[in-house]
Every structure is written in C-alpha cells, then in structure tokens.
Amino acid sequence: MNTIKLRKWDSAEHLKTDDDMAQYFEACLQEAGDDAAFVAKALGNIARAKGMSQLSRDTGLGRESLYKALSGEGNPSFATILKVASALGIRLHAQAAPGA
C-alpha cells in the first residue's frame, strides 16, 4: 500500500512575481470583508514570499515583530500595514462598493 504524504498549503510558495503578489493581495482584499486579520495574513504571505529579512531592513521593524503582526493572530497598526505594503511594492486603492 502506498502512503501519500500531505503538507499544509502555503500561499507564499506560489507567489513568484510582483504581479502574482498584487493579484493575490487584491483577491484577499475582496474576500476579507471587514476581517483585518485576513488582510494582515495576506501581507504576511507576500512578505514571506519576498523575504522577511529584507522586509525587516526595508521597514526598520524587527523580523519577529513582523512575523507576529502579519500572522493573522497579531493586531498591527494601520501605520504598520501601510509601511509593509509600501516596502513590498503594493499600493492600496479604493473604489466605490457596489450599491454604495
């Protein structure tokens, strides 16, 4: 009998290009609704794909602090989210919600 080994899906492994990352983040923003932790986790996945050490250098924030803030369990400030998004080369944008 063959045994199949499974491992947990990791989005970061599939984010290869800047365009992949931007499209992934856009999809996460659309999916998140008002779930700020979901958005932070999405940024964390992109950060891991690009390299957390480089992000730490670019933002001036400690690696461990970034891991915690972007884990989906932390509660990063909006200033941290903006700083991380900027360092990752991601722009946040607004558009009118349907029916608004």
N, C-alpha and C. Protein backbone atom coordinates (compact mmCIF):
# COMPACT_ATOMS: atom_id res chain seq x y z
N MET A 1 0.84 -1.18 0.00
CA MET A 1 0.00 0.00 0.00
C MET A 1 0.89 1.24 0.00
N ASN A 2 0.57 2.18 -0.88
CA ASN A 2 1.33 3.43 -0.96
C ASN A 2 0.77 4.43 0.03
N THR A 3 1.67 5.11 0.68
CA THR A 3 1.26 6.15 1.62
C THR A 3 1.47 7.50 0.96
N ILE A 4 0.48 8.33 1.02
CA ILE A 4 0.58 9.67 0.46
C ILE A 4 0.91 10.63 1.60
N LYS A 5 1.96 11.40 1.41
CA LYS A 5 2.32 12.41 2.40
C LYS A 5 1.77 13.75 1.95
N LEU A 6 1.04 14.39 2.80
CA LEU A 6 0.48 15.69 2.52
C LEU A 6 1.15 16.73 3.40
N ARG A 7 1.19 17.93 2.90
CA ARG A 7 1.67 19.01 3.74
C ARG A 7 0.75 20.21 3.58
N LYS A 8 0.79 21.05 4.55
CA LYS A 8 -0.09 22.21 4.59
C LYS A 8 0.18 23.13 3.40
N TRP A 9 -0.89 23.63 2.79
CA TRP A 9 -0.79 24.58 1.68
C TRP A 9 -0.14 25.86 2.18
N ASP A 10 0.81 26.37 1.43
CA ASP A 10 1.47 27.62 1.78
C ASP A 10 1.41 28.55 0.59
N SER A 11 0.56 29.56 0.66
CA SER A 11 0.40 30.51 -0.43
C SER A 11 1.71 31.14 -0.85
N ALA A 12 2.59 31.40 0.11
CA ALA A 12 3.85 32.09 -0.18
C ALA A 12 4.68 31.33 -1.21
N GLU A 13 4.56 30.01 -1.24
CA GLU A 13 5.35 29.21 -2.18
C GLU A 13 4.91 29.43 -3.63
N HIS A 14 3.74 29.99 -3.83
CA HIS A 14 3.18 30.14 -5.17
C HIS A 14 3.18 31.59 -5.65
N LEU A 15 3.72 32.48 -4.85
CA LEU A 15 3.78 33.89 -5.22
C LEU A 15 5.19 34.18 -5.75
N LYS A 16 5.34 34.09 -7.05
CA LYS A 16 6.66 34.17 -7.67
C LYS A 16 6.99 35.57 -8.20
N THR A 17 6.00 36.26 -8.75
CA THR A 17 6.26 37.56 -9.38
C THR A 17 5.52 38.67 -8.64
N ASP A 18 5.92 39.90 -8.91
CA ASP A 18 5.23 41.05 -8.32
C ASP A 18 3.77 41.06 -8.74
N ASP A 19 3.50 40.67 -9.98
CA ASP A 19 2.11 40.62 -10.46
C ASP A 19 1.32 39.56 -9.72
N ASP A 20 1.92 38.38 -9.48
CA ASP A 20 1.27 37.34 -8.68
C ASP A 20 0.87 37.90 -7.32
N MET A 21 1.80 38.61 -6.71
CA MET A 21 1.59 39.13 -5.36
C MET A 21 0.49 40.18 -5.35
N ALA A 22 0.49 41.07 -6.35
CA ALA A 22 -0.54 42.11 -6.42
C ALA A 22 -1.92 41.50 -6.65
N GLN A 23 -2.01 40.53 -7.53
CA GLN A 23 -3.31 39.89 -7.80
C GLN A 23 -3.79 39.10 -6.59
N TYR A 24 -2.88 38.42 -5.91
CA TYR A 24 -3.23 37.69 -4.70
C TYR A 24 -3.77 38.65 -3.64
N PHE A 25 -3.07 39.77 -3.45
CA PHE A 25 -3.50 40.73 -2.43
C PHE A 25 -4.85 41.33 -2.78
N GLU A 26 -5.05 41.65 -4.05
CA GLU A 26 -6.34 42.19 -4.49
C GLU A 26 -7.47 41.20 -4.21
N ALA A 27 -7.23 39.93 -4.52
CA ALA A 27 -8.24 38.90 -4.25
C ALA A 27 -8.51 38.79 -2.75
N CYS A 28 -7.46 38.87 -1.95
CA CYS A 28 -7.63 38.80 -0.49
C CYS A 28 -8.42 39.99 0.03
N LEU A 29 -8.14 41.18 -0.51
CA LEU A 29 -8.90 42.37 -0.08
C LEU A 29 -10.38 42.20 -0.40
N GLN A 30 -10.68 41.66 -1.56
CA GLN A 30 -12.08 41.45 -1.95
C GLN A 30 -12.75 40.40 -1.06
N GLU A 31 -12.00 39.39 -0.70
CA GLU A 31 -12.53 38.29 0.10
C GLU A 31 -12.67 38.65 1.58
N ALA A 32 -11.82 39.54 2.07
CA ALA A 32 -11.69 39.80 3.50
C ALA A 32 -12.90 40.44 4.15
N GLY A 33 -13.63 41.24 3.40
CA GLY A 33 -14.71 41.99 4.04
C GLY A 33 -14.12 42.91 5.09
N ASP A 34 -14.56 42.77 6.34
CA ASP A 34 -14.02 43.61 7.42
C ASP A 34 -13.05 42.85 8.32
N ASP A 35 -12.49 41.77 7.81
CA ASP A 35 -11.57 40.94 8.57
C ASP A 35 -10.14 41.44 8.42
N ALA A 36 -9.73 42.33 9.31
CA ALA A 36 -8.39 42.93 9.24
C ALA A 36 -7.29 41.89 9.39
N ALA A 37 -7.52 40.86 10.20
CA ALA A 37 -6.51 39.81 10.39
C ALA A 37 -6.24 39.06 9.08
N PHE A 38 -7.29 38.87 8.28
CA PHE A 38 -7.15 38.20 6.99
C PHE A 38 -6.23 39.02 6.07
N VAL A 39 -6.41 40.34 6.07
CA VAL A 39 -5.58 41.23 5.25
C VAL A 39 -4.14 41.21 5.75
N ALA A 40 -3.95 41.26 7.05
CA ALA A 40 -2.60 41.22 7.61
C ALA A 40 -1.91 39.90 7.26
N LYS A 41 -2.65 38.80 7.34
CA LYS A 41 -2.09 37.48 7.00
C LYS A 41 -1.71 37.43 5.52
N ALA A 42 -2.53 38.02 4.66
CA ALA A 42 -2.20 38.06 3.23
C ALA A 42 -0.89 38.81 3.01
N LEU A 43 -0.72 39.94 3.68
CA LEU A 43 0.55 40.67 3.58
C LEU A 43 1.69 39.82 4.12
N GLY A 44 1.43 39.06 5.18
CA GLY A 44 2.45 38.18 5.74
C GLY A 44 2.88 37.11 4.75
N ASN A 45 1.92 36.56 4.00
CA ASN A 45 2.24 35.56 2.98
C ASN A 45 3.12 36.17 1.89
N ILE A 46 2.79 37.37 1.48
CA ILE A 46 3.59 38.06 0.46
C ILE A 46 4.97 38.37 1.01
N ALA A 47 5.02 38.81 2.25
CA ALA A 47 6.31 39.12 2.89
C ALA A 47 7.20 37.89 2.95
N ARG A 48 6.62 36.74 3.28
CA ARG A 48 7.42 35.51 3.34
C ARG A 48 7.91 35.13 1.94
N ALA A 49 7.08 35.37 0.92
CA ALA A 49 7.48 35.05 -0.46
C ALA A 49 8.65 35.93 -0.90
N LYS A 50 8.62 37.19 -0.49
CA LYS A 50 9.69 38.13 -0.89
C LYS A 50 10.91 38.01 0.01
N GLY A 51 10.70 37.64 1.25
CA GLY A 51 11.81 37.53 2.19
C GLY A 51 11.61 38.45 3.38
N MET A 52 11.37 37.85 4.53
CA MET A 52 11.08 38.61 5.74
C MET A 52 12.29 39.43 6.20
N SER A 53 13.48 38.92 5.99
CA SER A 53 14.68 39.66 6.41
C SER A 53 14.81 40.97 5.64
N GLN A 54 14.56 40.91 4.33
CA GLN A 54 14.64 42.12 3.51
C GLN A 54 13.54 43.10 3.93
N LEU A 55 12.36 42.59 4.19
CA LEU A 55 11.26 43.46 4.63
C LEU A 55 11.61 44.13 5.94
N SER A 56 12.24 43.39 6.83
CA SER A 56 12.67 43.95 8.11
C SER A 56 13.64 45.12 7.89
N ARG A 57 14.59 44.93 6.99
CA ARG A 57 15.54 46.01 6.69
C ARG A 57 14.83 47.20 6.05
N ASP A 58 13.91 46.92 5.13
CA ASP A 58 13.22 47.99 4.40
C ASP A 58 12.28 48.80 5.28
N THR A 59 11.69 48.17 6.27
CA THR A 59 10.71 48.87 7.12
C THR A 59 11.31 49.38 8.43
N GLY A 60 12.46 48.81 8.82
CA GLY A 60 13.04 49.17 10.12
C GLY A 60 12.36 48.47 11.28
N LEU A 61 11.52 47.49 10.97
CA LEU A 61 10.81 46.73 12.01
C LEU A 61 11.50 45.38 12.18
N GLY A 62 11.53 44.87 13.39
CA GLY A 62 12.17 43.58 13.66
C GLY A 62 11.45 42.43 12.98
N ARG A 63 12.22 41.42 12.58
CA ARG A 63 11.64 40.25 11.92
C ARG A 63 10.58 39.59 12.77
N GLU A 64 10.88 39.38 14.05
CA GLU A 64 9.91 38.71 14.92
C GLU A 64 8.64 39.54 15.05
N SER A 65 8.79 40.86 15.14
CA SER A 65 7.62 41.73 15.22
C SER A 65 6.78 41.62 13.96
N LEU A 66 7.46 41.54 12.82
CA LEU A 66 6.74 41.41 11.55
C LEU A 66 6.01 40.07 11.47
N TYR A 67 6.70 39.00 11.85
CA TYR A 67 6.04 37.68 11.83
C TYR A 67 4.78 37.70 12.68
N LYS A 68 4.88 38.29 13.87
CA LYS A 68 3.73 38.33 14.77
C LYS A 68 2.62 39.21 14.20
N ALA A 69 2.98 40.41 13.74
CA ALA A 69 1.98 41.36 13.24
C ALA A 69 1.26 40.82 12.01
N LEU A 70 1.98 40.07 11.17
CA LEU A 70 1.42 39.61 9.90
C LEU A 70 1.00 38.15 9.92
N SER A 71 0.84 37.60 11.11
CA SER A 71 0.49 36.19 11.25
C SER A 71 -1.01 35.92 11.11
N GLY A 72 -1.81 36.96 11.22
CA GLY A 72 -3.25 36.77 11.28
C GLY A 72 -3.72 36.67 12.71
N GLU A 73 -2.77 36.55 13.64
CA GLU A 73 -3.07 36.47 15.07
C GLU A 73 -2.75 37.80 15.77
N GLY A 74 -1.84 38.56 15.17
CA GLY A 74 -1.45 39.85 15.74
C GLY A 74 -2.48 40.91 15.41
N ASN A 75 -2.24 42.11 15.86
CA ASN A 75 -3.13 43.23 15.59
C ASN A 75 -2.28 44.44 15.21
N PRO A 76 -1.72 44.42 13.98
CA PRO A 76 -0.82 45.50 13.60
C PRO A 76 -1.55 46.83 13.45
N SER A 77 -0.84 47.89 13.70
CA SER A 77 -1.43 49.22 13.49
C SER A 77 -1.58 49.45 11.99
N PHE A 78 -2.44 50.38 11.65
CA PHE A 78 -2.61 50.71 10.23
C PHE A 78 -1.32 51.28 9.68
N ALA A 79 -0.57 52.01 10.51
CA ALA A 79 0.72 52.55 10.08
C ALA A 79 1.67 51.41 9.69
N THR A 80 1.66 50.32 10.45
CA THR A 80 2.50 49.16 10.12
C THR A 80 2.05 48.55 8.80
N ILE A 81 0.75 48.41 8.61
CA ILE A 81 0.22 47.86 7.35
C ILE A 81 0.67 48.71 6.17
N LEU A 82 0.56 50.02 6.31
CA LEU A 82 0.96 50.92 5.22
C LEU A 82 2.46 50.82 4.95
N LYS A 83 3.25 50.77 6.00
CA LYS A 83 4.70 50.67 5.86
C LYS A 83 5.09 49.36 5.18
N VAL A 84 4.47 48.27 5.58
CA VAL A 84 4.75 46.95 5.00
C VAL A 84 4.32 46.93 3.53
N ALA A 85 3.11 47.39 3.24
CA ALA A 85 2.62 47.39 1.86
C ALA A 85 3.56 48.20 0.97
N SER A 86 3.97 49.35 1.42
CA SER A 86 4.88 50.19 0.66
C SER A 86 6.21 49.48 0.41
N ALA A 87 6.76 48.88 1.45
CA ALA A 87 8.05 48.17 1.31
C ALA A 87 7.93 46.97 0.38
N LEU A 88 6.75 46.37 0.30
CA LEU A 88 6.53 45.22 -0.58
C LEU A 88 6.20 45.65 -2.01
N GLY A 89 6.06 46.97 -2.21
CA GLY A 89 5.72 47.46 -3.54
C GLY A 89 4.26 47.29 -3.89
N ILE A 90 3.41 47.28 -2.87
CA ILE A 90 1.97 47.10 -3.06
C ILE A 90 1.27 48.40 -2.72
N ARG A 91 0.37 48.82 -3.60
CA ARG A 91 -0.42 50.01 -3.35
C ARG A 91 -1.83 49.60 -2.94
N LEU A 92 -2.33 50.22 -1.91
CA LEU A 92 -3.73 50.04 -1.53
C LEU A 92 -4.53 51.06 -2.35
N HIS A 93 -5.70 50.69 -2.78
CA HIS A 93 -6.53 51.64 -3.51
C HIS A 93 -7.99 51.47 -3.09
N ALA A 94 -8.76 52.49 -3.42
CA ALA A 94 -10.17 52.48 -3.04
C ALA A 94 -11.04 52.58 -4.29
N GLN A 95 -12.19 51.97 -4.19
CA GLN A 95 -13.21 52.13 -5.21
C GLN A 95 -14.56 52.03 -4.51
N ALA A 96 -15.55 52.62 -5.10
CA ALA A 96 -16.88 52.58 -4.51
C ALA A 96 -17.38 51.15 -4.49
N ALA A 97 -17.97 50.77 -3.37
CA ALA A 97 -18.55 49.43 -3.23
C ALA A 97 -19.86 49.38 -4.02
N PRO A 98 -20.16 48.24 -4.62
CA PRO A 98 -21.43 48.12 -5.33
C PRO A 98 -22.60 48.44 -4.41
N GLY A 99 -23.51 49.22 -4.90
CA GLY A 99 -24.69 49.56 -4.11
C GLY A 99 -24.45 50.63 -3.07
N ALA A 100 -23.25 51.21 -3.04
CA ALA A 100 -22.95 52.24 -2.03
C ALA A 100 -23.44 53.59 -2.46
